[in-house]
Full PDB file with SEQRES, HELIX, SHEET, SSBOND, CRYST1, ORIGX, SCALE, CONECT and MASTER records, all heavy atoms in Angstrom:
SEQRES   1 A   42  ARG LYS ALA LEU GLY LEU ALA GLY GLU GLY CYS LEU SER          
SEQRES   2 A   42  ALA THR LEU THR ASN CYS TYR ARG LEU VAL HIS GLY GLU          
SEQRES   3 A   42  GLY ASP GLY LEU PRO GLY LEU ILE VAL ASP TRP TYR ASP          
SEQRES   4 A   42  GLY VAL CYS                                                  
HELIX    1 AA1 SER A   13  THR A   15  5                                   3    
HELIX    2 AA2 GLY A   25  ASP A   28  5                                   4    
SHEET    1 AA1 2 CYS A  19  HIS A  24  0                                        
SHEET    2 AA1 2 ILE A  34  TYR A  38 -1                                        
CRYST1    1.000    1.000    1.000  90.00  90.00  90.00 P 1           1          
ORIGX1      1.000000  0.000000  0.000000        0.00000                         
ORIGX2      0.000000  1.000000  0.000000        0.00000                         
ORIGX3      0.000000  0.000000  1.000000        0.00000                         
SCALE1      1.000000  0.000000  0.000000        0.00000                         
SCALE2      0.000000  1.000000  0.000000        0.00000                         
SCALE3      0.000000  0.000000  1.000000        0.00000                         
ATOM      1  N   ARG A   1       4.974  17.767 -17.280  1.00  0.00           N  
ATOM      2  CA  ARG A   1       5.218  18.069 -18.708  1.00  0.00           C  
ATOM      3  C   ARG A   1       6.069  16.983 -19.321  1.00  0.00           C  
ATOM      4  O   ARG A   1       6.018  16.685 -20.519  1.00  0.00           O  
ATOM      5  CB  ARG A   1       5.886  19.421 -18.879  1.00  0.00           C  
ATOM      6  CG  ARG A   1       4.944  20.566 -18.990  1.00  0.00           C  
ATOM      7  CD  ARG A   1       4.063  20.748 -17.723  1.00  0.00           C  
ATOM      8  NE  ARG A   1       3.057  21.755 -17.857  1.00  0.00           N  
ATOM      9  CZ  ARG A   1       2.201  21.968 -16.853  1.00  0.00           C  
ATOM     10  NH1 ARG A   1       2.252  21.216 -15.724  1.00  0.00           N  
ATOM     11  NH2 ARG A   1       1.254  22.883 -16.970  1.00  0.00           N  
ATOM     12  N   LYS A   2       7.031  16.408 -18.484  1.00  0.00           N  
ATOM     13  CA  LYS A   2       7.817  15.265 -18.987  1.00  0.00           C  
ATOM     14  C   LYS A   2       6.891  14.080 -19.275  1.00  0.00           C  
ATOM     15  O   LYS A   2       7.081  13.328 -20.217  1.00  0.00           O  
ATOM     16  CB  LYS A   2       8.910  14.918 -18.015  1.00  0.00           C  
ATOM     17  CG  LYS A   2      10.009  15.975 -17.932  1.00  0.00           C  
ATOM     18  CD  LYS A   2      11.061  15.586 -16.900  1.00  0.00           C  
ATOM     19  CE  LYS A   2      12.256  16.622 -16.890  1.00  0.00           C  
ATOM     20  NZ  LYS A   2      13.239  16.215 -15.862  1.00  0.00           N  
ATOM     21  N   ALA A   3       5.940  13.878 -18.393  1.00  0.00           N  
ATOM     22  CA  ALA A   3       4.981  12.776 -18.526  1.00  0.00           C  
ATOM     23  C   ALA A   3       4.152  12.923 -19.801  1.00  0.00           C  
ATOM     24  O   ALA A   3       3.706  11.928 -20.420  1.00  0.00           O  
ATOM     25  CB  ALA A   3       4.160  12.622 -17.324  1.00  0.00           C  
ATOM     26  N   LEU A   4       3.917  14.216 -20.207  1.00  0.00           N  
ATOM     27  CA  LEU A   4       3.180  14.512 -21.406  1.00  0.00           C  
ATOM     28  C   LEU A   4       4.025  14.452 -22.659  1.00  0.00           C  
ATOM     29  O   LEU A   4       3.535  14.519 -23.812  1.00  0.00           O  
ATOM     30  CB  LEU A   4       2.561  15.936 -21.300  1.00  0.00           C  
ATOM     31  CG  LEU A   4       1.565  16.148 -20.216  1.00  0.00           C  
ATOM     32  CD1 LEU A   4       1.268  17.673 -20.119  1.00  0.00           C  
ATOM     33  CD2 LEU A   4       0.336  15.314 -20.414  1.00  0.00           C  
ATOM     34  N   GLY A   5       5.296  14.236 -22.511  1.00  0.00           N  
ATOM     35  CA  GLY A   5       6.222  14.101 -23.685  1.00  0.00           C  
ATOM     36  C   GLY A   5       6.639  15.387 -24.243  1.00  0.00           C  
ATOM     37  O   GLY A   5       7.059  15.602 -25.373  1.00  0.00           O  
ATOM     38  N   LEU A   6       6.513  16.558 -23.407  1.00  0.00           N  
ATOM     39  CA  LEU A   6       6.842  17.831 -23.909  1.00  0.00           C  
ATOM     40  C   LEU A   6       8.195  18.282 -23.425  1.00  0.00           C  
ATOM     41  O   LEU A   6       8.746  19.310 -23.916  1.00  0.00           O  
ATOM     42  CB  LEU A   6       5.738  18.845 -23.419  1.00  0.00           C  
ATOM     43  CG  LEU A   6       4.398  18.766 -24.054  1.00  0.00           C  
ATOM     44  CD1 LEU A   6       3.399  19.612 -23.350  1.00  0.00           C  
ATOM     45  CD2 LEU A   6       4.447  19.143 -25.555  1.00  0.00           C  
ATOM     46  N   ALA A   7       8.751  17.609 -22.467  1.00  0.00           N  
ATOM     47  CA  ALA A   7      10.021  18.043 -21.911  1.00  0.00           C  
ATOM     48  C   ALA A   7      10.843  16.834 -21.583  1.00  0.00           C  
ATOM     49  O   ALA A   7      10.324  15.708 -21.489  1.00  0.00           O  
ATOM     50  CB  ALA A   7       9.762  18.883 -20.686  1.00  0.00           C  
ATOM     51  N   GLY A   8      12.185  17.087 -21.332  1.00  0.00           N  
ATOM     52  CA  GLY A   8      13.071  15.962 -20.923  1.00  0.00           C  
ATOM     53  C   GLY A   8      13.962  15.488 -22.045  1.00  0.00           C  
ATOM     54  O   GLY A   8      13.592  15.479 -23.213  1.00  0.00           O  
ATOM     55  N   GLU A   9      15.195  15.218 -21.671  1.00  0.00           N  
ATOM     56  CA  GLU A   9      16.216  14.751 -22.603  1.00  0.00           C  
ATOM     57  C   GLU A   9      15.762  13.410 -23.209  1.00  0.00           C  
ATOM     58  O   GLU A   9      15.249  12.507 -22.541  1.00  0.00           O  
ATOM     59  CB  GLU A   9      17.570  14.566 -21.902  1.00  0.00           C  
ATOM     60  CG  GLU A   9      18.092  15.920 -21.504  1.00  0.00           C  
ATOM     61  CD  GLU A   9      19.496  15.754 -20.862  1.00  0.00           C  
ATOM     62  OE1 GLU A   9      20.032  14.613 -20.909  1.00  0.00           O  
ATOM     63  OE2 GLU A   9      20.039  16.763 -20.296  1.00  0.00           O  
ATOM     64  N   GLY A  10      15.960  13.270 -24.477  1.00  0.00           N  
ATOM     65  CA  GLY A  10      15.602  12.000 -25.167  1.00  0.00           C  
ATOM     66  C   GLY A  10      14.186  11.940 -25.533  1.00  0.00           C  
ATOM     67  O   GLY A  10      13.693  10.887 -26.073  1.00  0.00           O  
ATOM     68  N   CYS A  11      13.393  12.926 -25.222  1.00  0.00           N  
ATOM     69  CA  CYS A  11      11.904  12.892 -25.492  1.00  0.00           C  
ATOM     70  C   CYS A  11      11.723  13.173 -27.051  1.00  0.00           C  
ATOM     71  O   CYS A  11      12.159  14.237 -27.514  1.00  0.00           O  
ATOM     72  CB  CYS A  11      11.158  13.992 -24.617  1.00  0.00           C  
ATOM     73  SG  CYS A  11       9.448  14.218 -25.135  1.00  0.00           S  
ATOM     74  N   LEU A  12      11.107  12.226 -27.749  1.00  0.00           N  
ATOM     75  CA  LEU A  12      10.948  12.392 -29.177  1.00  0.00           C  
ATOM     76  C   LEU A  12      10.198  13.640 -29.562  1.00  0.00           C  
ATOM     77  O   LEU A  12      10.566  14.399 -30.430  1.00  0.00           O  
ATOM     78  CB  LEU A  12      10.273  11.143 -29.709  1.00  0.00           C  
ATOM     79  CG  LEU A  12       9.996  11.133 -31.211  1.00  0.00           C  
ATOM     80  CD1 LEU A  12      11.364  11.175 -31.962  1.00  0.00           C  
ATOM     81  CD2 LEU A  12       9.275   9.862 -31.632  1.00  0.00           C  
ATOM     82  N   SER A  13       9.022  13.929 -28.890  1.00  0.00           N  
ATOM     83  CA  SER A  13       8.218  15.060 -29.236  1.00  0.00           C  
ATOM     84  C   SER A  13       8.914  16.339 -28.903  1.00  0.00           C  
ATOM     85  O   SER A  13       8.677  17.413 -29.575  1.00  0.00           O  
ATOM     86  CB  SER A  13       6.894  15.035 -28.541  1.00  0.00           C  
ATOM     87  OG  SER A  13       6.975  15.045 -27.138  1.00  0.00           O  
ATOM     88  N   ALA A  14       9.889  16.353 -27.989  1.00  0.00           N  
ATOM     89  CA  ALA A  14      10.634  17.575 -27.660  1.00  0.00           C  
ATOM     90  C   ALA A  14      11.545  18.032 -28.782  1.00  0.00           C  
ATOM     91  O   ALA A  14      11.915  19.179 -28.818  1.00  0.00           O  
ATOM     92  CB  ALA A  14      11.429  17.373 -26.375  1.00  0.00           C  
ATOM     93  N   THR A  15      11.819  17.080 -29.709  1.00  0.00           N  
ATOM     94  CA  THR A  15      12.631  17.495 -30.897  1.00  0.00           C  
ATOM     95  C   THR A  15      11.801  18.253 -31.925  1.00  0.00           C  
ATOM     96  O   THR A  15      12.322  18.917 -32.765  1.00  0.00           O  
ATOM     97  CB  THR A  15      13.255  16.304 -31.551  1.00  0.00           C  
ATOM     98  OG1 THR A  15      12.200  15.430 -32.020  1.00  0.00           O  
ATOM     99  CG2 THR A  15      14.163  15.529 -30.603  1.00  0.00           C  
ATOM    100  N   LEU A  16      10.449  18.160 -31.789  1.00  0.00           N  
ATOM    101  CA  LEU A  16       9.510  18.816 -32.675  1.00  0.00           C  
ATOM    102  C   LEU A  16       8.866  19.982 -31.984  1.00  0.00           C  
ATOM    103  O   LEU A  16       8.384  20.899 -32.642  1.00  0.00           O  
ATOM    104  CB  LEU A  16       8.475  17.868 -33.131  1.00  0.00           C  
ATOM    105  CG  LEU A  16       8.929  16.593 -33.883  1.00  0.00           C  
ATOM    106  CD1 LEU A  16       7.768  15.668 -34.228  1.00  0.00           C  
ATOM    107  CD2 LEU A  16       9.619  17.059 -35.231  1.00  0.00           C  
ATOM    108  N   THR A  17       8.740  20.019 -30.677  1.00  0.00           N  
ATOM    109  CA  THR A  17       8.106  21.095 -29.955  1.00  0.00           C  
ATOM    110  C   THR A  17       9.026  21.409 -28.740  1.00  0.00           C  
ATOM    111  O   THR A  17       9.169  20.639 -27.874  1.00  0.00           O  
ATOM    112  CB  THR A  17       6.764  20.626 -29.440  1.00  0.00           C  
ATOM    113  OG1 THR A  17       5.894  20.230 -30.571  1.00  0.00           O  
ATOM    114  CG2 THR A  17       6.055  21.753 -28.612  1.00  0.00           C  
ATOM    115  N   ASN A  18       9.520  22.635 -28.774  1.00  0.00           N  
ATOM    116  CA  ASN A  18      10.301  23.091 -27.619  1.00  0.00           C  
ATOM    117  C   ASN A  18       9.728  24.277 -26.907  1.00  0.00           C  
ATOM    118  O   ASN A  18      10.451  25.084 -26.324  1.00  0.00           O  
ATOM    119  CB  ASN A  18      11.777  23.327 -28.120  1.00  0.00           C  
ATOM    120  CG  ASN A  18      11.830  24.363 -29.207  1.00  0.00           C  
ATOM    121  OD1 ASN A  18      10.938  25.138 -29.446  1.00  0.00           O  
ATOM    122  ND2 ASN A  18      12.989  24.415 -29.908  1.00  0.00           N  
ATOM    123  N   CYS A  19       8.447  24.452 -26.960  1.00  0.00           N  
ATOM    124  CA  CYS A  19       7.739  25.511 -26.226  1.00  0.00           C  
ATOM    125  C   CYS A  19       6.470  24.860 -25.632  1.00  0.00           C  
ATOM    126  O   CYS A  19       5.824  24.076 -26.211  1.00  0.00           O  
ATOM    127  CB  CYS A  19       7.493  26.690 -27.099  1.00  0.00           C  
ATOM    128  SG  CYS A  19       6.522  26.282 -28.607  1.00  0.00           S  
ATOM    129  N   TYR A  20       6.208  25.206 -24.410  1.00  0.00           N  
ATOM    130  CA  TYR A  20       5.049  24.695 -23.689  1.00  0.00           C  
ATOM    131  C   TYR A  20       4.764  25.539 -22.499  1.00  0.00           C  
ATOM    132  O   TYR A  20       5.569  26.383 -22.020  1.00  0.00           O  
ATOM    133  CB  TYR A  20       5.305  23.184 -23.282  1.00  0.00           C  
ATOM    134  CG  TYR A  20       6.501  22.949 -22.462  1.00  0.00           C  
ATOM    135  CD1 TYR A  20       6.492  23.119 -21.026  1.00  0.00           C  
ATOM    136  CD2 TYR A  20       7.718  22.630 -23.107  1.00  0.00           C  
ATOM    137  CE1 TYR A  20       7.658  22.913 -20.275  1.00  0.00           C  
ATOM    138  CE2 TYR A  20       8.839  22.338 -22.296  1.00  0.00           C  
ATOM    139  CZ  TYR A  20       8.794  22.544 -20.930  1.00  0.00           C  
ATOM    140  OH  TYR A  20       9.885  22.344 -20.131  1.00  0.00           O  
ATOM    141  N   ARG A  21       3.589  25.317 -21.881  1.00  0.00           N  
ATOM    142  CA  ARG A  21       3.255  25.949 -20.580  1.00  0.00           C  
ATOM    143  C   ARG A  21       3.721  25.084 -19.469  1.00  0.00           C  
ATOM    144  O   ARG A  21       3.315  23.902 -19.366  1.00  0.00           O  
ATOM    145  CB  ARG A  21       1.736  26.241 -20.512  1.00  0.00           C  
ATOM    146  CG  ARG A  21       1.344  26.770 -19.180  1.00  0.00           C  
ATOM    147  CD  ARG A  21       0.140  27.729 -19.313  1.00  0.00           C  
ATOM    148  NE  ARG A  21       0.412  28.855 -20.075  1.00  0.00           N  
ATOM    149  CZ  ARG A  21      -0.455  29.856 -20.273  1.00  0.00           C  
ATOM    150  NH1 ARG A  21      -1.659  29.792 -19.790  1.00  0.00           N  
ATOM    151  NH2 ARG A  21      -0.112  30.966 -21.006  1.00  0.00           N  
ATOM    152  N   LEU A  22       4.591  25.720 -18.644  1.00  0.00           N  
ATOM    153  CA  LEU A  22       5.072  24.995 -17.468  1.00  0.00           C  
ATOM    154  C   LEU A  22       4.146  25.051 -16.298  1.00  0.00           C  
ATOM    155  O   LEU A  22       3.909  24.125 -15.528  1.00  0.00           O  
ATOM    156  CB  LEU A  22       6.492  25.498 -17.070  1.00  0.00           C  
ATOM    157  CG  LEU A  22       7.001  24.918 -15.702  1.00  0.00           C  
ATOM    158  CD1 LEU A  22       7.373  23.461 -15.835  1.00  0.00           C  
ATOM    159  CD2 LEU A  22       8.234  25.797 -15.247  1.00  0.00           C  
ATOM    160  N   VAL A  23       3.549  26.290 -16.030  1.00  0.00           N  
ATOM    161  CA  VAL A  23       2.662  26.504 -14.941  1.00  0.00           C  
ATOM    162  C   VAL A  23       1.394  27.143 -15.438  1.00  0.00           C  
ATOM    163  O   VAL A  23       1.433  28.197 -16.038  1.00  0.00           O  
ATOM    164  CB  VAL A  23       3.326  27.464 -13.851  1.00  0.00           C  
ATOM    165  CG1 VAL A  23       2.322  27.734 -12.753  1.00  0.00           C  
ATOM    166  CG2 VAL A  23       4.537  26.830 -13.263  1.00  0.00           C  
ATOM    167  N   HIS A  24       0.259  26.503 -15.125  1.00  0.00           N  
ATOM    168  CA  HIS A  24      -1.016  27.008 -15.538  1.00  0.00           C  
ATOM    169  C   HIS A  24      -1.850  27.288 -14.253  1.00  0.00           C  
ATOM    170  O   HIS A  24      -2.873  26.640 -13.980  1.00  0.00           O  
ATOM    171  CB  HIS A  24      -1.725  26.056 -16.440  1.00  0.00           C  
ATOM    172  CG  HIS A  24      -2.989  26.522 -16.933  1.00  0.00           C  
ATOM    173  ND1 HIS A  24      -3.048  27.688 -17.785  1.00  0.00           N  
ATOM    174  CD2 HIS A  24      -4.287  26.089 -16.867  1.00  0.00           C  
ATOM    175  CE1 HIS A  24      -4.368  27.928 -18.085  1.00  0.00           C  
ATOM    176  NE2 HIS A  24      -5.074  26.997 -17.549  1.00  0.00           N  
ATOM    177  N   GLY A  25      -1.386  28.271 -13.436  1.00  0.00           N  
ATOM    178  CA  GLY A  25      -2.132  28.745 -12.293  1.00  0.00           C  
ATOM    179  C   GLY A  25      -2.660  27.608 -11.404  1.00  0.00           C  
ATOM    180  O   GLY A  25      -1.907  26.714 -10.967  1.00  0.00           O  
ATOM    181  N   GLU A  26      -3.968  27.664 -11.169  1.00  0.00           N  
ATOM    182  CA  GLU A  26      -4.566  26.702 -10.215  1.00  0.00           C  
ATOM    183  C   GLU A  26      -4.395  25.252 -10.734  1.00  0.00           C  
ATOM    184  O   GLU A  26      -4.367  24.375  -9.865  1.00  0.00           O  
ATOM    185  CB  GLU A  26      -6.092  27.038 -10.072  1.00  0.00           C  
ATOM    186  CG  GLU A  26      -6.359  28.315  -9.322  1.00  0.00           C  
ATOM    187  CD  GLU A  26      -6.309  29.550 -10.121  1.00  0.00           C  
ATOM    188  OE1 GLU A  26      -5.910  29.503 -11.303  1.00  0.00           O  
ATOM    189  OE2 GLU A  26      -6.611  30.603  -9.573  1.00  0.00           O  
ATOM    190  N   GLY A  27      -4.274  25.031 -12.037  1.00  0.00           N  
ATOM    191  CA  GLY A  27      -4.136  23.743 -12.582  1.00  0.00           C  
ATOM    192  C   GLY A  27      -2.807  23.053 -12.077  1.00  0.00           C  
ATOM    193  O   GLY A  27      -2.719  21.853 -12.143  1.00  0.00           O  
ATOM    194  N   ASP A  28      -1.893  23.917 -11.714  1.00  0.00           N  
ATOM    195  CA  ASP A  28      -0.577  23.394 -11.226  1.00  0.00           C  
ATOM    196  C   ASP A  28      -0.330  23.728  -9.802  1.00  0.00           C  
ATOM    197  O   ASP A  28       0.778  23.730  -9.267  1.00  0.00           O  
ATOM    198  CB  ASP A  28       0.565  23.883 -12.115  1.00  0.00           C  
ATOM    199  CG  ASP A  28       0.614  23.185 -13.444  1.00  0.00           C  
ATOM    200  OD1 ASP A  28       0.900  22.019 -13.440  1.00  0.00           O  
ATOM    201  OD2 ASP A  28       0.360  23.848 -14.527  1.00  0.00           O  
ATOM    202  N   GLY A  29      -1.412  24.088  -9.014  1.00  0.00           N  
ATOM    203  CA  GLY A  29      -1.331  24.346  -7.623  1.00  0.00           C  
ATOM    204  C   GLY A  29      -0.635  25.689  -7.307  1.00  0.00           C  
ATOM    205  O   GLY A  29      -0.104  25.932  -6.206  1.00  0.00           O  
ATOM    206  N   LEU A  30      -0.600  26.636  -8.293  1.00  0.00           N  
ATOM    207  CA  LEU A  30       0.039  27.931  -8.080  1.00  0.00           C  
ATOM    208  C   LEU A  30      -0.908  29.022  -8.629  1.00  0.00           C  
ATOM    209  O   LEU A  30      -0.574  29.659  -9.638  1.00  0.00           O  
ATOM    210  CB  LEU A  30       1.387  27.917  -8.843  1.00  0.00           C  
ATOM    211  CG  LEU A  30       2.475  27.016  -8.231  1.00  0.00           C  
ATOM    212  CD1 LEU A  30       3.668  26.868  -9.182  1.00  0.00           C  
ATOM    213  CD2 LEU A  30       2.922  27.616  -6.921  1.00  0.00           C  
ATOM    214  N   PRO A  31      -2.001  29.191  -7.928  1.00  0.00           N  
ATOM    215  CA  PRO A  31      -2.956  30.237  -8.422  1.00  0.00           C  
ATOM    216  C   PRO A  31      -2.309  31.642  -8.518  1.00  0.00           C  
ATOM    217  O   PRO A  31      -1.646  32.112  -7.651  1.00  0.00           O  
ATOM    218  CB  PRO A  31      -4.036  30.167  -7.356  1.00  0.00           C  
ATOM    219  CG  PRO A  31      -3.425  29.579  -6.138  1.00  0.00           C  
ATOM    220  CD  PRO A  31      -2.403  28.641  -6.630  1.00  0.00           C  
ATOM    221  N   GLY A  32      -2.620  32.213  -9.676  1.00  0.00           N  
ATOM    222  CA  GLY A  32      -2.084  33.563  -9.964  1.00  0.00           C  
ATOM    223  C   GLY A  32      -0.834  33.610 -10.710  1.00  0.00           C  
ATOM    224  O   GLY A  32      -0.216  34.666 -10.956  1.00  0.00           O  
ATOM    225  N   LEU A  33      -0.269  32.431 -11.121  1.00  0.00           N  
ATOM    226  CA  LEU A  33       1.016  32.342 -11.791  1.00  0.00           C  
ATOM    227  C   LEU A  33       0.865  31.606 -13.095  1.00  0.00           C  
ATOM    228  O   LEU A  33       0.350  30.560 -13.195  1.00  0.00           O  
ATOM    229  CB  LEU A  33       2.109  31.631 -10.922  1.00  0.00           C  
ATOM    230  CG  LEU A  33       3.471  31.552 -11.547  1.00  0.00           C  
ATOM    231  CD1 LEU A  33       4.091  32.927 -11.754  1.00  0.00           C  
ATOM    232  CD2 LEU A  33       4.327  30.649 -10.653  1.00  0.00           C  
ATOM    233  N   ILE A  34       1.486  32.298 -14.117  1.00  0.00           N  
ATOM    234  CA  ILE A  34       1.596  31.609 -15.446  1.00  0.00           C  
ATOM    235  C   ILE A  34       3.119  31.596 -15.801  1.00  0.00           C  
ATOM    236  O   ILE A  34       3.802  32.625 -15.657  1.00  0.00           O  
ATOM    237  CB  ILE A  34       0.879  32.358 -16.577  1.00  0.00           C  
ATOM    238  CG1 ILE A  34      -0.612  32.410 -16.349  1.00  0.00           C  
ATOM    239  CG2 ILE A  34       1.182  31.801 -17.913  1.00  0.00           C  
ATOM    240  CD1 ILE A  34      -1.271  30.995 -16.349  1.00  0.00           C  
ATOM    241  N   VAL A  35       3.655  30.437 -16.223  1.00  0.00           N  
ATOM    242  CA  VAL A  35       5.034  30.385 -16.710  1.00  0.00           C  
ATOM    243  C   VAL A  35       5.062  29.585 -18.018  1.00  0.00           C  
ATOM    244  O   VAL A  35       4.581  28.417 -18.069  1.00  0.00           O  
ATOM    245  CB  VAL A  35       5.959  29.662 -15.726  1.00  0.00           C  
ATOM    246  CG1 VAL A  35       7.375  29.612 -16.278  1.00  0.00           C  
ATOM    247  CG2 VAL A  35       5.925  30.396 -14.347  1.00  0.00           C  
ATOM    248  N   ASP A  36       5.537  30.207 -19.121  1.00  0.00           N  
ATOM    249  CA  ASP A  36       5.649  29.509 -20.400  1.00  0.00           C  
ATOM    250  C   ASP A  36       7.100  29.372 -20.766  1.00  0.00           C  
ATOM    251  O   ASP A  36       7.976  30.183 -20.461  1.00  0.00           O  
ATOM    252  CB  ASP A  36       4.980  30.320 -21.496  1.00  0.00           C  
ATOM    253  CG  ASP A  36       3.482  30.265 -21.396  1.00  0.00           C  
ATOM    254  OD1 ASP A  36       2.920  29.314 -20.773  1.00  0.00           O  
ATOM    255  OD2 ASP A  36       2.787  31.142 -21.965  1.00  0.00           O  
ATOM    256  N   TRP A  37       7.414  28.197 -21.318  1.00  0.00           N  
ATOM    257  CA  TRP A  37       8.847  27.790 -21.648  1.00  0.00           C  
ATOM    258  C   TRP A  37       8.983  27.964 -23.153  1.00  0.00           C  
ATOM    259  O   TRP A  37       8.307  27.389 -23.951  1.00  0.00           O  
ATOM    260  CB  TRP A  37       9.073  26.367 -21.226  1.00  0.00           C  
ATOM    261  CG  TRP A  37      10.352  25.755 -21.733  1.00  0.00           C  
ATOM    262  CD1 TRP A  37      10.483  25.018 -22.918  1.00  0.00           C  
ATOM    263  CD2 TRP A  37      11.587  25.729 -21.081  1.00  0.00           C  
ATOM    264  NE1 TRP A  37      11.786  24.516 -23.007  1.00  0.00           N  
ATOM    265  CE2 TRP A  37      12.530  25.004 -21.892  1.00  0.00           C  
ATOM    266  CE3 TRP A  37      12.095  26.243 -19.898  1.00  0.00           C  
ATOM    267  CZ2 TRP A  37      13.878  24.794 -21.615  1.00  0.00           C  
ATOM    268  CZ3 TRP A  37      13.462  26.093 -19.573  1.00  0.00           C  
ATOM    269  CH2 TRP A  37      14.303  25.335 -20.387  1.00  0.00           C  
ATOM    270  N   TYR A  38      10.028  28.785 -23.587  1.00  0.00           N  
ATOM    271  CA  TYR A  38      10.361  28.956 -24.939  1.00  0.00           C  
ATOM    272  C   TYR A  38      11.825  28.605 -25.201  1.00  0.00           C  
ATOM    273  O   TYR A  38      12.660  29.434 -25.105  1.00  0.00           O  
ATOM    274  CB  TYR A  38      10.106  30.347 -25.393  1.00  0.00           C  
ATOM    275  CG  TYR A  38       8.627  30.822 -25.335  1.00  0.00           C  
ATOM    276  CD1 TYR A  38       8.186  31.771 -24.400  1.00  0.00           C  
ATOM    277  CD2 TYR A  38       7.727  30.299 -26.287  1.00  0.00           C  
ATOM    278  CE1 TYR A  38       6.866  32.138 -24.417  1.00  0.00           C  
ATOM    279  CE2 TYR A  38       6.389  30.702 -26.281  1.00  0.00           C  
ATOM    280  CZ  TYR A  38       5.997  31.629 -25.314  1.00  0.00           C  
ATOM    281  OH  TYR A  38       4.662  32.022 -25.264  1.00  0.00           O  
ATOM    282  N   ASP A  39      12.050  27.317 -25.368  1.00  0.00           N  
ATOM    283  CA  ASP A  39      13.369  26.790 -25.756  1.00  0.00           C  
ATOM    284  C   ASP A  39      14.443  27.386 -24.871  1.00  0.00           C  
ATOM    285  O   ASP A  39      15.435  27.956 -25.372  1.00  0.00           O  
ATOM    286  CB  ASP A  39      13.659  27.094 -27.238  1.00  0.00           C  
ATOM    287  CG  ASP A  39      14.961  26.399 -27.733  1.00  0.00           C  
ATOM    288  OD1 ASP A  39      15.293  25.363 -27.115  1.00  0.00           O  
ATOM    289  OD2 ASP A  39      15.601  26.850 -28.645  1.00  0.00           O  
ATOM    290  N   GLY A  40      14.242  27.259 -23.563  1.00  0.00           N  
ATOM    291  CA  GLY A  40      15.311  27.717 -22.610  1.00  0.00           C  
ATOM    292  C   GLY A  40      14.961  29.000 -21.930  1.00  0.00           C  
ATOM    293  O   GLY A  40      15.676  29.374 -20.954  1.00  0.00           O  
ATOM    294  N   VAL A  41      13.927  29.701 -22.385  1.00  0.00           N  
ATOM    295  CA  VAL A  41      13.538  30.994 -21.718  1.00  0.00           C  
ATOM    296  C   VAL A  41      12.180  30.814 -21.078  1.00  0.00           C  
ATOM    297  O   VAL A  41      11.247  30.429 -21.685  1.00  0.00           O  
ATOM    298  CB  VAL A  41      13.479  32.132 -22.791  1.00  0.00           C  
ATOM    299  CG1 VAL A  41      13.010  33.417 -22.081  1.00  0.00           C  
ATOM    300  CG2 VAL A  41      14.886  32.377 -23.415  1.00  0.00           C  
ATOM    301  N   CYS A  42      12.119  31.093 -19.798  1.00  0.00           N  
ATOM    302  CA  CYS A  42      10.781  31.056 -19.058  1.00  0.00           C  
ATOM    303  C   CYS A  42      10.226  32.502 -19.042  1.00  0.00           C  
ATOM    304  O   CYS A  42      10.937  33.411 -18.582  1.00  0.00           O  
ATOM    305  CB  CYS A  42      11.042  30.537 -17.579  1.00  0.00           C  
ATOM    306  SG  CYS A  42      11.119  28.759 -17.506  1.00  0.00           S  
TER     307      CYS A  42                                                      
MASTER        0    0    0    2    2    0    0    6  306    1    0    4          
END                                                                             
């Protein structure tokens, strides 16, 4: 997500978007799990 510009200190897009999907099941090697980030809350 940091590589996508969605997370990380000093990331320009993170000042405009502070919510994103951290874990998308099989797409992140964790089948059966979803984790969404909402400005500090997972």
